[in-house]
Amino acid sequence: MLFYVVVYDIPCDKRRKQVSELLEGYGRRVQYSVFECILNQEKYIELKKRLRKQINFSEDSIRFYPLSRHTFNQIETWGEPSVTEYPGSIII
């Protein structure tokens, strides 16, 4: 599993709402158009496939930033919400 920051800029209200609702099923919203997601390869591919159906490539922008354990430990968070735990550090 990897930790992804997913960021989007979508001018159309309807598409933006659809994308945010879809992402809520895969991760946690940390800012209006920023989600933190912990995904295995299968879920990552599934998410991208589903997002492709929602966006207009000539108007919308979605970025996926994978974070390694090394760079994850360098994240600074000011205010709320706190940073999601890195995959592998979760104890069940």
N, C-alpha and C. Protein backbone atom coordinates (compact mmCIF):
# COMPACT_ATOMS: atom_id res chain seq x y z
N MET A 1 0.84 -1.18 0.00
CA MET A 1 0.00 0.00 0.00
C MET A 1 0.88 1.24 0.00
N LEU A 2 0.37 2.27 -0.65
CA LEU A 2 1.06 3.55 -0.69
C LEU A 2 0.12 4.65 -0.23
N PHE A 3 0.72 5.72 0.21
CA PHE A 3 0.00 6.91 0.64
C PHE A 3 0.00 7.88 -0.53
N TYR A 4 -1.17 8.35 -0.95
CA TYR A 4 -1.30 9.28 -2.06
C TYR A 4 -1.98 10.55 -1.58
N VAL A 5 -1.50 11.67 -2.08
CA VAL A 5 -2.22 12.93 -1.95
C VAL A 5 -2.86 13.15 -3.31
N VAL A 6 -4.17 13.31 -3.33
CA VAL A 6 -4.91 13.52 -4.58
C VAL A 6 -5.48 14.94 -4.53
N VAL A 7 -5.14 15.71 -5.55
CA VAL A 7 -5.51 17.12 -5.61
C VAL A 7 -6.26 17.36 -6.91
N TYR A 8 -7.30 18.16 -6.85
CA TYR A 8 -8.03 18.42 -8.09
C TYR A 8 -8.45 19.88 -8.19
N ASP A 9 -8.62 20.31 -9.44
CA ASP A 9 -9.15 21.63 -9.77
C ASP A 9 -10.16 21.40 -10.88
N ILE A 10 -11.44 21.52 -10.52
CA ILE A 10 -12.52 21.23 -11.45
C ILE A 10 -13.51 22.40 -11.43
N PRO A 11 -13.60 23.15 -12.53
CA PRO A 11 -14.46 24.34 -12.54
C PRO A 11 -15.97 24.06 -12.51
N CYS A 12 -16.39 22.92 -13.01
CA CYS A 12 -17.82 22.58 -13.07
C CYS A 12 -18.28 22.05 -11.71
N ASP A 13 -19.27 22.70 -11.12
CA ASP A 13 -19.79 22.29 -9.81
C ASP A 13 -20.25 20.84 -9.78
N LYS A 14 -20.97 20.42 -10.80
CA LYS A 14 -21.51 19.06 -10.84
C LYS A 14 -20.39 18.02 -10.86
N ARG A 15 -19.41 18.21 -11.75
CA ARG A 15 -18.29 17.26 -11.84
C ARG A 15 -17.45 17.30 -10.56
N ARG A 16 -17.23 18.49 -10.01
CA ARG A 16 -16.45 18.63 -8.78
C ARG A 16 -17.11 17.86 -7.65
N LYS A 17 -18.41 17.96 -7.54
CA LYS A 17 -19.14 17.23 -6.49
C LYS A 17 -19.03 15.73 -6.70
N GLN A 18 -19.16 15.28 -7.94
CA GLN A 18 -19.05 13.85 -8.24
C GLN A 18 -17.66 13.32 -7.88
N VAL A 19 -16.62 14.09 -8.22
CA VAL A 19 -15.26 13.67 -7.93
C VAL A 19 -15.02 13.64 -6.42
N SER A 20 -15.47 14.65 -5.71
CA SER A 20 -15.26 14.67 -4.26
C SER A 20 -16.00 13.51 -3.58
N GLU A 21 -17.20 13.21 -4.03
CA GLU A 21 -17.94 12.08 -3.46
C GLU A 21 -17.24 10.76 -3.75
N LEU A 22 -16.70 10.62 -4.94
CA LEU A 22 -15.96 9.41 -5.29
C LEU A 22 -14.72 9.28 -4.41
N LEU A 23 -13.97 10.35 -4.26
CA LEU A 23 -12.75 10.31 -3.46
C LEU A 23 -13.02 10.04 -1.99
N GLU A 24 -14.17 10.47 -1.49
CA GLU A 24 -14.52 10.20 -0.09
C GLU A 24 -14.60 8.70 0.19
N GLY A 25 -14.85 7.91 -0.83
CA GLY A 25 -14.87 6.47 -0.68
C GLY A 25 -13.49 5.83 -0.68
N TYR A 26 -12.47 6.61 -0.98
CA TYR A 26 -11.11 6.08 -1.08
C TYR A 26 -10.15 6.69 -0.07
N GLY A 27 -10.52 7.82 0.51
CA GLY A 27 -9.58 8.48 1.41
C GLY A 27 -10.27 9.50 2.28
N ARG A 28 -9.46 10.39 2.81
CA ARG A 28 -9.93 11.40 3.75
C ARG A 28 -9.68 12.80 3.19
N ARG A 29 -10.71 13.62 3.20
CA ARG A 29 -10.56 15.01 2.75
C ARG A 29 -9.79 15.78 3.82
N VAL A 30 -8.72 16.47 3.40
CA VAL A 30 -7.94 17.26 4.34
C VAL A 30 -8.03 18.75 4.03
N GLN A 31 -8.42 19.07 2.81
CA GLN A 31 -8.74 20.44 2.41
C GLN A 31 -9.83 20.34 1.35
N TYR A 32 -10.36 21.46 0.93
CA TYR A 32 -11.52 21.42 0.04
C TYR A 32 -11.30 20.52 -1.17
N SER A 33 -10.17 20.62 -1.83
CA SER A 33 -9.94 19.79 -3.01
C SER A 33 -8.67 18.94 -2.87
N VAL A 34 -8.42 18.50 -1.64
CA VAL A 34 -7.24 17.68 -1.36
C VAL A 34 -7.65 16.48 -0.50
N PHE A 35 -7.26 15.29 -0.97
CA PHE A 35 -7.56 14.06 -0.24
C PHE A 35 -6.27 13.31 0.04
N GLU A 36 -6.23 12.63 1.18
CA GLU A 36 -5.17 11.70 1.50
C GLU A 36 -5.76 10.30 1.40
N CYS A 37 -5.09 9.44 0.64
CA CYS A 37 -5.62 8.10 0.40
C CYS A 37 -4.52 7.07 0.62
N ILE A 38 -4.85 6.00 1.32
CA ILE A 38 -3.95 4.87 1.46
C ILE A 38 -4.52 3.76 0.59
N LEU A 39 -3.78 3.43 -0.49
CA LEU A 39 -4.32 2.53 -1.51
C LEU A 39 -3.31 1.46 -1.90
N ASN A 40 -3.80 0.25 -2.09
CA ASN A 40 -2.95 -0.76 -2.71
C ASN A 40 -3.03 -0.53 -4.22
N GLN A 41 -2.21 -1.25 -4.97
CA GLN A 41 -2.14 -1.04 -6.42
C GLN A 41 -3.50 -1.25 -7.10
N GLU A 42 -4.22 -2.26 -6.66
CA GLU A 42 -5.53 -2.55 -7.25
C GLU A 42 -6.51 -1.40 -7.04
N LYS A 43 -6.57 -0.87 -5.82
CA LYS A 43 -7.49 0.23 -5.52
C LYS A 43 -7.07 1.51 -6.24
N TYR A 44 -5.76 1.73 -6.37
CA TYR A 44 -5.26 2.90 -7.08
C TYR A 44 -5.69 2.86 -8.54
N ILE A 45 -5.53 1.73 -9.18
CA ILE A 45 -5.95 1.56 -10.57
C ILE A 45 -7.47 1.74 -10.70
N GLU A 46 -8.21 1.15 -9.77
CA GLU A 46 -9.67 1.28 -9.77
C GLU A 46 -10.09 2.74 -9.63
N LEU A 47 -9.46 3.46 -8.71
CA LEU A 47 -9.79 4.88 -8.51
C LEU A 47 -9.53 5.68 -9.78
N LYS A 48 -8.38 5.49 -10.39
CA LYS A 48 -8.07 6.23 -11.60
C LYS A 48 -9.06 5.91 -12.72
N LYS A 49 -9.43 4.66 -12.84
CA LYS A 49 -10.40 4.26 -13.87
C LYS A 49 -11.74 4.95 -13.64
N ARG A 50 -12.19 4.98 -12.39
CA ARG A 50 -13.47 5.62 -12.08
C ARG A 50 -13.40 7.14 -12.26
N LEU A 51 -12.28 7.74 -11.91
CA LEU A 51 -12.14 9.19 -12.08
C LEU A 51 -12.12 9.59 -13.55
N ARG A 52 -11.50 8.77 -14.38
CA ARG A 52 -11.46 9.07 -15.83
C ARG A 52 -12.86 9.25 -16.40
N LYS A 53 -13.82 8.52 -15.86
CA LYS A 53 -15.20 8.62 -16.34
C LYS A 53 -15.89 9.89 -15.86
N GLN A 54 -15.34 10.53 -14.82
CA GLN A 54 -15.99 11.68 -14.21
C GLN A 54 -15.49 13.03 -14.74
N ILE A 55 -14.26 13.07 -15.24
CA ILE A 55 -13.67 14.37 -15.54
C ILE A 55 -13.68 14.70 -17.02
N ASN A 56 -13.51 15.98 -17.29
CA ASN A 56 -13.37 16.50 -18.65
C ASN A 56 -11.90 16.89 -18.79
N PHE A 57 -11.16 16.14 -19.59
CA PHE A 57 -9.71 16.34 -19.69
C PHE A 57 -9.33 17.71 -20.26
N SER A 58 -10.23 18.37 -20.95
CA SER A 58 -9.90 19.69 -21.50
C SER A 58 -10.15 20.82 -20.50
N GLU A 59 -10.83 20.53 -19.38
CA GLU A 59 -11.13 21.57 -18.39
C GLU A 59 -10.62 21.26 -16.98
N ASP A 60 -10.55 19.99 -16.63
CA ASP A 60 -10.27 19.59 -15.26
C ASP A 60 -8.82 19.16 -15.08
N SER A 61 -8.39 19.19 -13.84
CA SER A 61 -7.04 18.75 -13.50
C SER A 61 -7.10 17.92 -12.22
N ILE A 62 -6.50 16.73 -12.27
CA ILE A 62 -6.36 15.89 -11.08
C ILE A 62 -4.90 15.46 -11.03
N ARG A 63 -4.31 15.56 -9.82
CA ARG A 63 -2.92 15.16 -9.62
C ARG A 63 -2.85 14.13 -8.51
N PHE A 64 -2.00 13.14 -8.72
CA PHE A 64 -1.78 12.08 -7.74
C PHE A 64 -0.33 12.17 -7.29
N TYR A 65 -0.11 12.37 -6.01
CA TYR A 65 1.24 12.45 -5.47
C TYR A 65 1.47 11.27 -4.54
N PRO A 66 2.25 10.26 -4.97
CA PRO A 66 2.58 9.17 -4.06
C PRO A 66 3.69 9.63 -3.12
N LEU A 67 3.56 9.28 -1.85
CA LEU A 67 4.58 9.65 -0.87
C LEU A 67 5.23 8.39 -0.32
N SER A 68 6.53 8.39 -0.31
CA SER A 68 7.26 7.27 0.27
C SER A 68 7.32 7.45 1.78
N ARG A 69 7.72 6.40 2.46
CA ARG A 69 7.87 6.47 3.92
C ARG A 69 8.86 7.58 4.28
N HIS A 70 9.91 7.74 3.47
CA HIS A 70 10.93 8.76 3.75
C HIS A 70 10.35 10.17 3.67
N THR A 71 9.64 10.48 2.59
CA THR A 71 9.08 11.82 2.45
C THR A 71 7.85 12.02 3.33
N PHE A 72 7.13 10.95 3.58
CA PHE A 72 5.95 11.04 4.45
C PHE A 72 6.33 11.57 5.83
N ASN A 73 7.45 11.12 6.33
CA ASN A 73 7.90 11.54 7.66
C ASN A 73 8.29 13.01 7.72
N GLN A 74 8.39 13.66 6.58
CA GLN A 74 8.76 15.08 6.54
C GLN A 74 7.56 16.01 6.40
N ILE A 75 6.36 15.46 6.36
CA ILE A 75 5.16 16.28 6.24
C ILE A 75 4.98 17.12 7.50
N GLU A 76 4.69 18.38 7.31
CA GLU A 76 4.34 19.26 8.42
C GLU A 76 2.86 19.60 8.29
N THR A 77 2.14 19.52 9.37
CA THR A 77 0.72 19.86 9.37
C THR A 77 0.48 20.95 10.40
N TRP A 78 -0.10 22.04 9.97
CA TRP A 78 -0.47 23.13 10.86
C TRP A 78 -1.98 23.19 10.89
N GLY A 79 -2.58 23.17 12.04
CA GLY A 79 -4.03 23.21 12.15
C GLY A 79 -4.61 21.82 11.96
N GLU A 80 -5.86 21.77 11.64
CA GLU A 80 -6.58 20.50 11.50
C GLU A 80 -6.90 20.24 10.05
N PRO A 81 -7.09 19.03 9.63
CA PRO A 81 -6.95 17.79 10.38
C PRO A 81 -5.51 17.34 10.42
N SER A 82 -5.21 16.40 11.30
CA SER A 82 -3.87 15.86 11.40
C SER A 82 -3.59 14.95 10.21
N VAL A 83 -2.33 14.60 10.02
CA VAL A 83 -1.92 13.75 8.90
C VAL A 83 -2.36 12.32 9.15
N THR A 84 -2.80 11.67 8.11
CA THR A 84 -3.15 10.26 8.15
C THR A 84 -1.88 9.44 8.40
N GLU A 85 -2.01 8.30 9.08
CA GLU A 85 -0.85 7.45 9.32
C GLU A 85 -0.40 6.79 8.03
N TYR A 86 0.91 6.58 7.94
CA TYR A 86 1.49 5.94 6.75
C TYR A 86 1.14 4.45 6.74
N PRO A 87 0.90 3.89 5.54
CA PRO A 87 0.62 2.46 5.45
C PRO A 87 1.73 1.64 6.10
N GLY A 88 1.35 0.61 6.80
CA GLY A 88 2.33 -0.21 7.48
C GLY A 88 2.50 0.17 8.93
N SER A 89 2.10 1.39 9.27
CA SER A 89 2.22 1.81 10.66
C SER A 89 0.89 1.65 11.39
N ILE A 90 -0.10 1.13 10.69
CA ILE A 90 -1.41 0.93 11.29
C ILE A 90 -1.45 -0.44 11.94
N ILE A 91 -1.82 -0.49 13.19
CA ILE A 91 -1.90 -1.75 13.92
C ILE A 91 -3.37 -2.11 14.12
N ILE A 92 -3.71 -3.33 13.73
CA ILE A 92 -5.10 -3.78 13.88
C ILE A 92 -5.13 -4.90 14.90
